[in-house]
Amino acid sequence: MSYDRIRLYDAGRFHDTELPDWYHKAERLSETERVDFHRAFDRVLDCEHALLTEEGLLGGALEIRFWPSELHGIFVLVETPLSIVEQIVILNPADWLPFLSRYLAPLIIVANQSSLIAHHNRIGNAFIAWARHGEGSHVDRETGLSRIDLDNDRMRRMAQQARAAMERERREGRA
């Protein structure tokens, strides 16, 4: 993705073009007045943005925002919390629904599925931590082992010593 160009969606086709003046104005506003990048576009495009996906966490998820500006068309920004993935302008309002259904809907589905998978993983990890450590059996910060691990290791060593002692007695009994 080149950050000095923007894609223009027109009649079902993409065209690369130079960044428009309003884009540079938003960048300057964000840098000089320390305004949030998205809020700078809100001010320059004279409309509020809408978020089509959940805000990403830890750089993993896609965020899709759009600004339906009456003056400059519909500006769509696809990004992660760490970088811009794609930026598109749709000048003709009649192209918005075909663009949304053909290109954005699949991305939104994938972003939502990824979010659900991440939530399930967190729930699973919480359950595993609860089941493994239970009440009062916390992880030792020095060794990284839980009280359960330490107890199990001690029991294993005691069982191993008992087996070794029984084996010695068996050998001494034969001799």
N, C-alpha and C. Protein backbone atom coordinates (compact mmCIF):
# COMPACT_ATOMS: atom_id res chain seq x y z
N MET A 1 0.85 -1.18 0.00
CA MET A 1 0.00 0.00 0.00
C MET A 1 0.89 1.23 0.00
N SER A 2 0.67 2.10 -0.94
CA SER A 2 1.38 3.36 -1.01
C SER A 2 0.58 4.41 -0.25
N TYR A 3 1.21 5.09 0.70
CA TYR A 3 0.50 6.06 1.54
C TYR A 3 0.43 7.45 0.90
N ASP A 4 1.05 7.62 -0.27
CA ASP A 4 0.98 8.91 -0.95
C ASP A 4 -0.06 8.91 -2.07
N ARG A 5 -0.83 7.84 -2.15
CA ARG A 5 -1.89 7.73 -3.16
C ARG A 5 -3.15 7.18 -2.48
N ILE A 6 -4.26 7.36 -3.15
CA ILE A 6 -5.54 6.88 -2.63
C ILE A 6 -6.26 6.18 -3.77
N ARG A 7 -7.08 5.21 -3.44
CA ARG A 7 -7.85 4.52 -4.48
C ARG A 7 -9.19 5.19 -4.67
N LEU A 8 -9.58 5.28 -5.90
CA LEU A 8 -10.88 5.84 -6.27
C LEU A 8 -11.71 4.69 -6.81
N TYR A 9 -12.89 4.49 -6.24
CA TYR A 9 -13.80 3.43 -6.71
C TYR A 9 -14.88 4.10 -7.54
N ASP A 10 -14.97 3.70 -8.81
CA ASP A 10 -15.94 4.30 -9.71
C ASP A 10 -16.48 3.23 -10.65
N ALA A 11 -17.79 3.05 -10.63
CA ALA A 11 -18.49 2.11 -11.52
C ALA A 11 -17.89 0.71 -11.48
N GLY A 12 -17.59 0.24 -10.27
CA GLY A 12 -17.11 -1.13 -10.11
C GLY A 12 -15.62 -1.33 -10.35
N ARG A 13 -14.87 -0.27 -10.54
CA ARG A 13 -13.43 -0.39 -10.81
C ARG A 13 -12.64 0.52 -9.88
N PHE A 14 -11.42 0.11 -9.62
CA PHE A 14 -10.52 0.90 -8.79
C PHE A 14 -9.52 1.64 -9.67
N HIS A 15 -9.20 2.87 -9.26
CA HIS A 15 -8.18 3.67 -9.94
C HIS A 15 -7.33 4.32 -8.86
N ASP A 16 -6.01 4.29 -9.04
CA ASP A 16 -5.13 4.99 -8.10
C ASP A 16 -5.04 6.45 -8.50
N THR A 17 -5.03 7.32 -7.52
CA THR A 17 -4.93 8.75 -7.78
C THR A 17 -4.14 9.42 -6.66
N GLU A 18 -3.77 10.66 -6.88
CA GLU A 18 -3.04 11.43 -5.87
C GLU A 18 -3.95 11.68 -4.67
N LEU A 19 -3.34 11.87 -3.52
CA LEU A 19 -4.11 12.21 -2.33
C LEU A 19 -4.78 13.57 -2.55
N PRO A 20 -6.05 13.69 -2.21
CA PRO A 20 -6.73 14.97 -2.41
C PRO A 20 -6.28 16.01 -1.38
N ASP A 21 -6.59 17.27 -1.65
CA ASP A 21 -6.20 18.37 -0.76
C ASP A 21 -6.78 18.19 0.63
N TRP A 22 -8.03 17.72 0.74
CA TRP A 22 -8.66 17.56 2.05
C TRP A 22 -7.92 16.53 2.90
N TYR A 23 -7.30 15.54 2.24
CA TYR A 23 -6.54 14.52 2.97
C TYR A 23 -5.30 15.17 3.61
N HIS A 24 -4.58 16.00 2.80
CA HIS A 24 -3.39 16.69 3.32
C HIS A 24 -3.79 17.65 4.44
N LYS A 25 -4.93 18.30 4.28
CA LYS A 25 -5.41 19.23 5.31
C LYS A 25 -5.67 18.48 6.63
N ALA A 26 -6.27 17.28 6.54
CA ALA A 26 -6.53 16.46 7.74
C ALA A 26 -5.21 16.02 8.38
N GLU A 27 -4.23 15.64 7.57
CA GLU A 27 -2.93 15.26 8.12
C GLU A 27 -2.29 16.42 8.87
N ARG A 28 -2.31 17.62 8.25
CA ARG A 28 -1.73 18.80 8.91
C ARG A 28 -2.46 19.12 10.21
N LEU A 29 -3.77 19.04 10.17
CA LEU A 29 -4.58 19.30 11.36
C LEU A 29 -4.23 18.33 12.48
N SER A 30 -4.07 17.06 12.12
CA SER A 30 -3.73 16.02 13.11
C SER A 30 -2.35 16.28 13.72
N GLU A 31 -1.41 16.70 12.89
CA GLU A 31 -0.04 16.90 13.37
C GLU A 31 0.13 18.21 14.14
N THR A 32 -0.42 19.31 13.60
CA THR A 32 -0.18 20.61 14.22
C THR A 32 -1.02 20.85 15.46
N GLU A 33 -2.28 20.44 15.42
CA GLU A 33 -3.17 20.69 16.55
C GLU A 33 -3.30 19.47 17.46
N ARG A 34 -2.56 18.43 17.16
CA ARG A 34 -2.58 17.19 17.93
C ARG A 34 -4.00 16.64 18.08
N VAL A 35 -4.73 16.68 16.98
CA VAL A 35 -6.08 16.14 16.93
C VAL A 35 -5.97 14.69 16.48
N ASP A 36 -6.80 13.82 17.04
CA ASP A 36 -6.85 12.43 16.63
C ASP A 36 -7.03 12.37 15.11
N PHE A 37 -6.31 11.46 14.46
CA PHE A 37 -6.34 11.32 13.00
C PHE A 37 -7.77 11.20 12.47
N HIS A 38 -8.58 10.38 13.11
CA HIS A 38 -9.96 10.17 12.66
C HIS A 38 -10.81 11.42 12.88
N ARG A 39 -10.59 12.10 14.00
CA ARG A 39 -11.33 13.33 14.29
C ARG A 39 -10.93 14.45 13.33
N ALA A 40 -9.68 14.43 12.87
CA ALA A 40 -9.24 15.41 11.88
C ALA A 40 -10.04 15.23 10.58
N PHE A 41 -10.25 14.00 10.18
CA PHE A 41 -11.08 13.75 8.99
C PHE A 41 -12.53 14.19 9.24
N ASP A 42 -13.02 13.96 10.46
CA ASP A 42 -14.38 14.42 10.79
C ASP A 42 -14.50 15.92 10.52
N ARG A 43 -13.51 16.68 10.98
CA ARG A 43 -13.56 18.14 10.83
C ARG A 43 -13.39 18.57 9.37
N VAL A 44 -12.44 17.98 8.68
CA VAL A 44 -12.16 18.39 7.31
C VAL A 44 -13.29 17.99 6.37
N LEU A 45 -13.83 16.80 6.54
CA LEU A 45 -14.90 16.32 5.65
C LEU A 45 -16.28 16.81 6.09
N ASP A 46 -16.33 17.46 7.23
CA ASP A 46 -17.57 18.04 7.76
C ASP A 46 -18.66 16.98 7.97
N CYS A 47 -18.25 15.84 8.51
CA CYS A 47 -19.20 14.77 8.86
C CYS A 47 -18.52 13.85 9.86
N GLU A 48 -19.32 13.12 10.62
CA GLU A 48 -18.79 12.16 11.59
C GLU A 48 -18.54 10.83 10.89
N HIS A 49 -17.52 10.13 11.33
CA HIS A 49 -17.25 8.81 10.75
C HIS A 49 -18.09 7.75 11.46
N ALA A 50 -18.28 6.66 10.76
CA ALA A 50 -18.95 5.50 11.34
C ALA A 50 -17.97 4.33 11.34
N LEU A 51 -17.97 3.58 12.41
CA LEU A 51 -17.09 2.41 12.54
C LEU A 51 -17.90 1.18 12.17
N LEU A 52 -17.44 0.44 11.16
CA LEU A 52 -18.15 -0.75 10.70
C LEU A 52 -17.71 -2.02 11.40
N THR A 53 -16.61 -1.97 12.13
CA THR A 53 -16.10 -3.14 12.86
C THR A 53 -15.76 -2.70 14.28
N GLU A 54 -15.49 -3.68 15.15
CA GLU A 54 -15.03 -3.36 16.49
C GLU A 54 -13.65 -2.75 16.40
N GLU A 55 -13.34 -1.87 17.33
CA GLU A 55 -11.99 -1.34 17.36
C GLU A 55 -11.03 -2.47 17.70
N GLY A 56 -9.94 -2.56 16.94
CA GLY A 56 -8.99 -3.65 17.13
C GLY A 56 -8.20 -3.51 18.40
N LEU A 57 -7.73 -4.62 18.89
CA LEU A 57 -6.90 -4.64 20.09
C LEU A 57 -5.56 -5.27 19.76
N LEU A 58 -4.52 -4.68 20.26
CA LEU A 58 -3.17 -5.23 20.17
C LEU A 58 -2.71 -5.45 18.75
N GLY A 59 -3.18 -4.62 17.82
CA GLY A 59 -2.68 -4.66 16.46
C GLY A 59 -3.14 -5.81 15.61
N GLY A 60 -4.11 -6.59 16.05
CA GLY A 60 -4.49 -7.76 15.30
C GLY A 60 -5.68 -7.61 14.39
N ALA A 61 -6.61 -6.80 14.73
CA ALA A 61 -7.88 -6.79 14.02
C ALA A 61 -7.97 -5.62 13.04
N LEU A 62 -8.82 -5.81 12.02
CA LEU A 62 -9.08 -4.74 11.07
C LEU A 62 -10.14 -3.80 11.62
N GLU A 63 -9.94 -2.53 11.36
CA GLU A 63 -10.94 -1.52 11.68
C GLU A 63 -11.35 -0.89 10.36
N ILE A 64 -12.65 -0.77 10.14
CA ILE A 64 -13.15 -0.17 8.91
C ILE A 64 -14.02 1.01 9.30
N ARG A 65 -13.62 2.20 8.84
CA ARG A 65 -14.37 3.43 9.12
C ARG A 65 -14.75 4.06 7.78
N PHE A 66 -15.87 4.79 7.79
CA PHE A 66 -16.20 5.56 6.59
C PHE A 66 -16.79 6.90 6.97
N TRP A 67 -16.55 7.87 6.09
CA TRP A 67 -17.04 9.23 6.24
C TRP A 67 -17.93 9.54 5.04
N PRO A 68 -19.23 9.70 5.23
CA PRO A 68 -20.13 10.02 4.11
C PRO A 68 -20.22 11.53 3.87
N SER A 69 -19.21 12.09 3.26
CA SER A 69 -19.15 13.54 3.04
C SER A 69 -19.96 13.93 1.81
N GLU A 70 -20.79 14.93 1.98
CA GLU A 70 -21.58 15.42 0.84
C GLU A 70 -20.71 16.14 -0.17
N LEU A 71 -19.60 16.73 0.27
CA LEU A 71 -18.73 17.50 -0.62
C LEU A 71 -17.68 16.66 -1.33
N HIS A 72 -17.15 15.64 -0.64
CA HIS A 72 -15.99 14.92 -1.16
C HIS A 72 -16.25 13.45 -1.44
N GLY A 73 -17.46 12.98 -1.32
CA GLY A 73 -17.77 11.57 -1.53
C GLY A 73 -17.62 10.79 -0.25
N ILE A 74 -17.65 9.49 -0.38
CA ILE A 74 -17.54 8.61 0.79
C ILE A 74 -16.08 8.16 0.90
N PHE A 75 -15.46 8.50 2.02
CA PHE A 75 -14.08 8.11 2.27
C PHE A 75 -14.09 6.89 3.18
N VAL A 76 -13.42 5.82 2.75
CA VAL A 76 -13.35 4.58 3.52
C VAL A 76 -11.90 4.36 3.92
N LEU A 77 -11.69 4.09 5.20
CA LEU A 77 -10.36 3.82 5.73
C LEU A 77 -10.36 2.43 6.36
N VAL A 78 -9.51 1.56 5.83
CA VAL A 78 -9.34 0.21 6.37
C VAL A 78 -7.96 0.20 7.02
N GLU A 79 -7.92 -0.16 8.31
CA GLU A 79 -6.65 -0.08 9.03
C GLU A 79 -6.62 -1.09 10.17
N THR A 80 -5.43 -1.30 10.68
CA THR A 80 -5.25 -1.99 11.95
C THR A 80 -4.96 -0.90 12.96
N PRO A 81 -4.91 -1.21 14.24
CA PRO A 81 -4.55 -0.17 15.21
C PRO A 81 -3.14 0.39 14.98
N LEU A 82 -2.32 -0.32 14.19
CA LEU A 82 -0.94 0.11 14.00
C LEU A 82 -0.65 0.72 12.64
N SER A 83 -1.47 0.44 11.62
CA SER A 83 -1.15 0.97 10.29
C SER A 83 -2.38 1.00 9.39
N ILE A 84 -2.27 1.81 8.34
CA ILE A 84 -3.31 1.89 7.32
C ILE A 84 -3.14 0.72 6.36
N VAL A 85 -4.26 0.06 6.05
CA VAL A 85 -4.23 -1.04 5.09
C VAL A 85 -4.67 -0.53 3.71
N GLU A 86 -5.76 0.22 3.69
CA GLU A 86 -6.29 0.73 2.43
C GLU A 86 -7.11 1.98 2.69
N GLN A 87 -7.13 2.89 1.72
CA GLN A 87 -7.94 4.09 1.80
C GLN A 87 -8.58 4.30 0.43
N ILE A 88 -9.89 4.46 0.44
CA ILE A 88 -10.67 4.49 -0.80
C ILE A 88 -11.64 5.66 -0.75
N VAL A 89 -11.85 6.30 -1.88
CA VAL A 89 -12.87 7.34 -2.02
C VAL A 89 -13.88 6.87 -3.06
N ILE A 90 -15.16 7.00 -2.72
CA ILE A 90 -16.25 6.65 -3.63
C ILE A 90 -17.00 7.96 -3.90
N LEU A 91 -16.84 8.49 -5.09
CA LEU A 91 -17.42 9.80 -5.40
C LEU A 91 -18.91 9.71 -5.70
N ASN A 92 -19.33 8.67 -6.38
CA ASN A 92 -20.73 8.52 -6.77
C ASN A 92 -21.48 7.74 -5.69
N PRO A 93 -22.49 8.35 -5.04
CA PRO A 93 -23.24 7.65 -3.99
C PRO A 93 -23.89 6.35 -4.47
N ALA A 94 -24.17 6.23 -5.75
CA ALA A 94 -24.76 5.00 -6.29
C ALA A 94 -23.78 3.83 -6.24
N ASP A 95 -22.48 4.12 -6.15
CA ASP A 95 -21.47 3.05 -6.08
C ASP A 95 -21.26 2.53 -4.65
N TRP A 96 -21.82 3.21 -3.65
CA TRP A 96 -21.59 2.84 -2.26
C TRP A 96 -22.09 1.44 -1.94
N LEU A 97 -23.35 1.14 -2.22
CA LEU A 97 -23.89 -0.19 -1.87
C LEU A 97 -23.19 -1.33 -2.61
N PRO A 98 -22.94 -1.22 -3.92
CA PRO A 98 -22.16 -2.30 -4.56
C PRO A 98 -20.77 -2.47 -3.94
N PHE A 99 -20.11 -1.36 -3.61
CA PHE A 99 -18.79 -1.44 -2.97
C PHE A 99 -18.89 -2.09 -1.60
N LEU A 100 -19.88 -1.66 -0.83
CA LEU A 100 -20.08 -2.22 0.51
C LEU A 100 -20.33 -3.72 0.45
N SER A 101 -21.21 -4.15 -0.42
CA SER A 101 -21.56 -5.58 -0.47
C SER A 101 -20.46 -6.43 -1.08
N ARG A 102 -19.76 -5.90 -2.06
CA ARG A 102 -18.74 -6.70 -2.75
C ARG A 102 -17.41 -6.74 -2.01
N TYR A 103 -17.02 -5.63 -1.43
CA TYR A 103 -15.68 -5.56 -0.84
C TYR A 103 -15.65 -5.45 0.68
N LEU A 104 -16.51 -4.62 1.25
CA LEU A 104 -16.44 -4.42 2.69
C LEU A 104 -17.14 -5.51 3.50
N ALA A 105 -18.27 -6.02 3.02
CA ALA A 105 -19.00 -7.04 3.79
C ALA A 105 -18.13 -8.26 4.09
N PRO A 106 -17.38 -8.81 3.11
CA PRO A 106 -16.51 -9.94 3.46
C PRO A 106 -15.44 -9.58 4.49
N LEU A 107 -14.89 -8.37 4.40
CA LEU A 107 -13.89 -7.94 5.39
C LEU A 107 -14.50 -7.81 6.78
N ILE A 108 -15.72 -7.27 6.83
CA ILE A 108 -16.41 -7.12 8.11
C ILE A 108 -16.68 -8.48 8.73
N ILE A 109 -17.10 -9.45 7.92
CA ILE A 109 -17.36 -10.80 8.42
C ILE A 109 -16.09 -11.41 9.00
N VAL A 110 -14.98 -11.28 8.28
CA VAL A 110 -13.71 -11.84 8.75
C VAL A 110 -13.26 -11.14 10.04
N ALA A 111 -13.39 -9.82 10.09
CA ALA A 111 -12.99 -9.08 11.30
C ALA A 111 -13.83 -9.52 12.49
N ASN A 112 -15.14 -9.69 12.29
CA ASN A 112 -16.00 -10.12 13.40
C ASN A 112 -15.70 -11.55 13.84
N GLN A 113 -15.44 -12.43 12.88
CA GLN A 113 -15.08 -13.81 13.23
C GLN A 113 -13.77 -13.84 14.01
N SER A 114 -12.80 -13.03 13.59
CA SER A 114 -11.52 -12.96 14.31
C SER A 114 -11.73 -12.46 15.73
N SER A 115 -12.60 -11.48 15.88
CA SER A 115 -12.90 -10.95 17.20
C SER A 115 -13.54 -12.02 18.08
N LEU A 116 -14.48 -12.78 17.53
CA LEU A 116 -15.12 -13.86 18.29
C LEU A 116 -14.12 -14.92 18.70
N ILE A 117 -13.23 -15.28 17.79
CA ILE A 117 -12.21 -16.28 18.10
C ILE A 117 -11.31 -15.78 19.23
N ALA A 118 -10.93 -14.51 19.18
CA ALA A 118 -10.09 -13.94 20.24
C ALA A 118 -10.82 -13.97 21.58
N HIS A 119 -12.12 -13.64 21.58
CA HIS A 119 -12.90 -13.69 22.83
C HIS A 119 -12.99 -15.12 23.35
N HIS A 120 -13.22 -16.08 22.48
CA HIS A 120 -13.30 -17.48 22.89
C HIS A 120 -11.97 -17.94 23.47
N ASN A 121 -10.87 -17.52 22.86
CA ASN A 121 -9.55 -17.89 23.39
C ASN A 121 -9.36 -17.33 24.79
N ARG A 122 -9.76 -16.07 25.01
CA ARG A 122 -9.64 -15.48 26.34
C ARG A 122 -10.49 -16.23 27.35
N ILE A 123 -11.71 -16.57 26.98
CA ILE A 123 -12.59 -17.32 27.88
C ILE A 123 -11.99 -18.69 28.18
N GLY A 124 -11.46 -19.34 27.14
CA GLY A 124 -10.82 -20.64 27.34
C GLY A 124 -9.62 -20.56 28.26
N ASN A 125 -8.79 -19.53 28.06
CA ASN A 125 -7.62 -19.36 28.92
C ASN A 125 -8.02 -19.08 30.36
N ALA A 126 -9.08 -18.30 30.54
CA ALA A 126 -9.56 -18.03 31.90
C ALA A 126 -10.04 -19.31 32.56
N PHE A 127 -10.77 -20.14 31.82
CA PHE A 127 -11.25 -21.40 32.37
C PHE A 127 -10.09 -22.33 32.71
N ILE A 128 -9.12 -22.42 31.81
CA ILE A 128 -7.96 -23.28 32.06
C ILE A 128 -7.22 -22.81 33.31
N ALA A 129 -7.03 -21.49 33.44
CA ALA A 129 -6.35 -20.97 34.63
C ALA A 129 -7.13 -21.30 35.89
N TRP A 130 -8.44 -21.13 35.84
CA TRP A 130 -9.27 -21.44 37.01
C TRP A 130 -9.22 -22.93 37.32
N ALA A 131 -9.38 -23.78 36.30
CA ALA A 131 -9.40 -25.23 36.52
C ALA A 131 -8.04 -25.74 36.99
N ARG A 132 -6.99 -25.17 36.47
CA ARG A 132 -5.66 -25.65 36.79
C ARG A 132 -5.19 -25.16 38.16
N HIS A 133 -5.47 -23.92 38.46
CA HIS A 133 -4.92 -23.34 39.68
C HIS A 133 -5.91 -23.31 40.83
N GLY A 134 -7.16 -23.22 40.52
CA GLY A 134 -8.17 -23.24 41.58
C GLY A 134 -7.94 -22.16 42.62
N GLU A 135 -8.62 -22.29 43.71
CA GLU A 135 -8.48 -21.30 44.78
C GLU A 135 -7.23 -21.58 45.59
N GLY A 136 -6.45 -20.55 45.82
CA GLY A 136 -5.30 -20.67 46.70
C GLY A 136 -4.10 -21.38 46.09
N SER A 137 -4.15 -21.78 44.84
CA SER A 137 -3.02 -22.45 44.20
C SER A 137 -2.50 -21.55 43.09
N HIS A 138 -1.77 -20.55 43.48
CA HIS A 138 -1.33 -19.55 42.51
C HIS A 138 0.04 -19.89 41.96
N VAL A 139 0.38 -19.22 40.89
CA VAL A 139 1.66 -19.45 40.24
C VAL A 139 2.76 -18.77 41.05
N ASP A 140 3.86 -19.52 41.24
CA ASP A 140 5.03 -18.99 41.93
C ASP A 140 5.78 -18.07 40.96
N ARG A 141 5.99 -16.82 41.36
CA ARG A 141 6.62 -15.85 40.45
C ARG A 141 8.08 -16.18 40.18
N GLU A 142 8.72 -16.87 41.09
CA GLU A 142 10.13 -17.22 40.92
C GLU A 142 10.32 -18.31 39.88
N THR A 143 9.55 -19.36 39.99
CA THR A 143 9.76 -20.53 39.13
C THR A 143 8.77 -20.61 37.98
N GLY A 144 7.65 -19.88 38.07
CA GLY A 144 6.63 -19.98 37.03
C GLY A 144 5.76 -21.21 37.19
N LEU A 145 5.99 -21.98 38.27
CA LEU A 145 5.20 -23.18 38.49
C LEU A 145 4.04 -22.87 39.44
N SER A 146 2.96 -23.58 39.25
CA SER A 146 1.84 -23.39 40.16
C SER A 146 2.05 -24.28 41.38
N ARG A 147 1.30 -24.02 42.41
CA ARG A 147 1.35 -24.84 43.62
C ARG A 147 1.01 -26.29 43.26
N ILE A 148 0.09 -26.45 42.32
CA ILE A 148 -0.29 -27.80 41.87
C ILE A 148 0.93 -28.49 41.26
N ASP A 149 1.70 -27.76 40.42
CA ASP A 149 2.90 -28.34 39.81
C ASP A 149 3.89 -28.76 40.89
N LEU A 150 4.10 -27.89 41.86
CA LEU A 150 5.06 -28.21 42.93
C LEU A 150 4.59 -29.42 43.74
N ASP A 151 3.29 -29.46 44.08
CA ASP A 151 2.75 -30.61 44.82
C ASP A 151 2.89 -31.89 43.99
N ASN A 152 2.56 -31.81 42.72
CA ASN A 152 2.67 -32.99 41.85
C ASN A 152 4.11 -33.46 41.74
N ASP A 153 5.04 -32.52 41.60
CA ASP A 153 6.45 -32.90 41.52
C ASP A 153 6.91 -33.58 42.81
N ARG A 154 6.50 -33.03 43.96
CA ARG A 154 6.86 -33.63 45.24
C ARG A 154 6.29 -35.04 45.35
N MET A 155 5.02 -35.22 44.96
CA MET A 155 4.38 -36.54 45.01
C MET A 155 5.09 -37.52 44.06
N ARG A 156 5.48 -37.03 42.87
CA ARG A 156 6.20 -37.88 41.92
C ARG A 156 7.54 -38.33 42.49
N ARG A 157 8.26 -37.38 43.10
CA ARG A 157 9.55 -37.73 43.70
C ARG A 157 9.38 -38.73 44.82
N MET A 158 8.35 -38.54 45.67
CA MET A 158 8.11 -39.47 46.78
C MET A 158 7.75 -40.85 46.23
N ALA A 159 6.93 -40.91 45.19
CA ALA A 159 6.55 -42.20 44.60
C ALA A 159 7.77 -42.87 43.97
N GLN A 160 8.61 -42.06 43.31
CA GLN A 160 9.82 -42.61 42.70
C GLN A 160 10.77 -43.15 43.77
N GLN A 161 10.91 -42.42 44.88
CA GLN A 161 11.77 -42.88 45.98
C GLN A 161 11.20 -44.16 46.61
N ALA A 162 9.88 -44.22 46.76
CA ALA A 162 9.25 -45.42 47.33
C ALA A 162 9.48 -46.61 46.41
N ARG A 163 9.34 -46.42 45.08
CA ARG A 163 9.58 -47.53 44.14
C ARG A 163 11.04 -47.98 44.20
N ALA A 164 11.96 -46.99 44.31
CA ALA A 164 13.38 -47.33 44.38
C ALA A 164 13.68 -48.11 45.67
N ALA A 165 13.06 -47.71 46.79
CA ALA A 165 13.27 -48.41 48.06
C ALA A 165 12.71 -49.82 47.97
N MET A 166 11.51 -49.98 47.36
CA MET A 166 10.93 -51.32 47.22
C MET A 166 11.81 -52.19 46.33
N GLU A 167 12.37 -51.63 45.30
CA GLU A 167 13.25 -52.38 44.39
C GLU A 167 14.52 -52.80 45.14
N ARG A 168 15.08 -51.91 45.99
CA ARG A 168 16.26 -52.27 46.77
C ARG A 168 15.95 -53.40 47.74
N GLU A 169 14.79 -53.30 48.42
CA GLU A 169 14.39 -54.36 49.37
C GLU A 169 14.20 -55.68 48.63
N ARG A 170 13.62 -55.63 47.45
CA ARG A 170 13.39 -56.85 46.67
C ARG A 170 14.72 -57.47 46.30
N ARG A 171 15.68 -56.65 45.90
CA ARG A 171 17.00 -57.16 45.51
C ARG A 171 17.74 -57.73 46.74
N GLU A 172 17.63 -57.06 47.89
CA GLU A 172 18.30 -57.51 49.11
C GLU A 172 17.65 -58.81 49.62
N GLY A 173 16.34 -58.95 49.38
CA GLY A 173 15.65 -60.15 49.80
C GLY A 173 16.10 -61.35 49.00
N ARG A 174 16.48 -61.18 47.76
CA ARG A 174 16.95 -62.27 46.89
C ARG A 174 18.37 -62.67 47.25
N ALA A 175 19.15 -61.72 47.69
CA ALA A 175 20.56 -62.02 47.93
C ALA A 175 20.79 -62.79 49.17
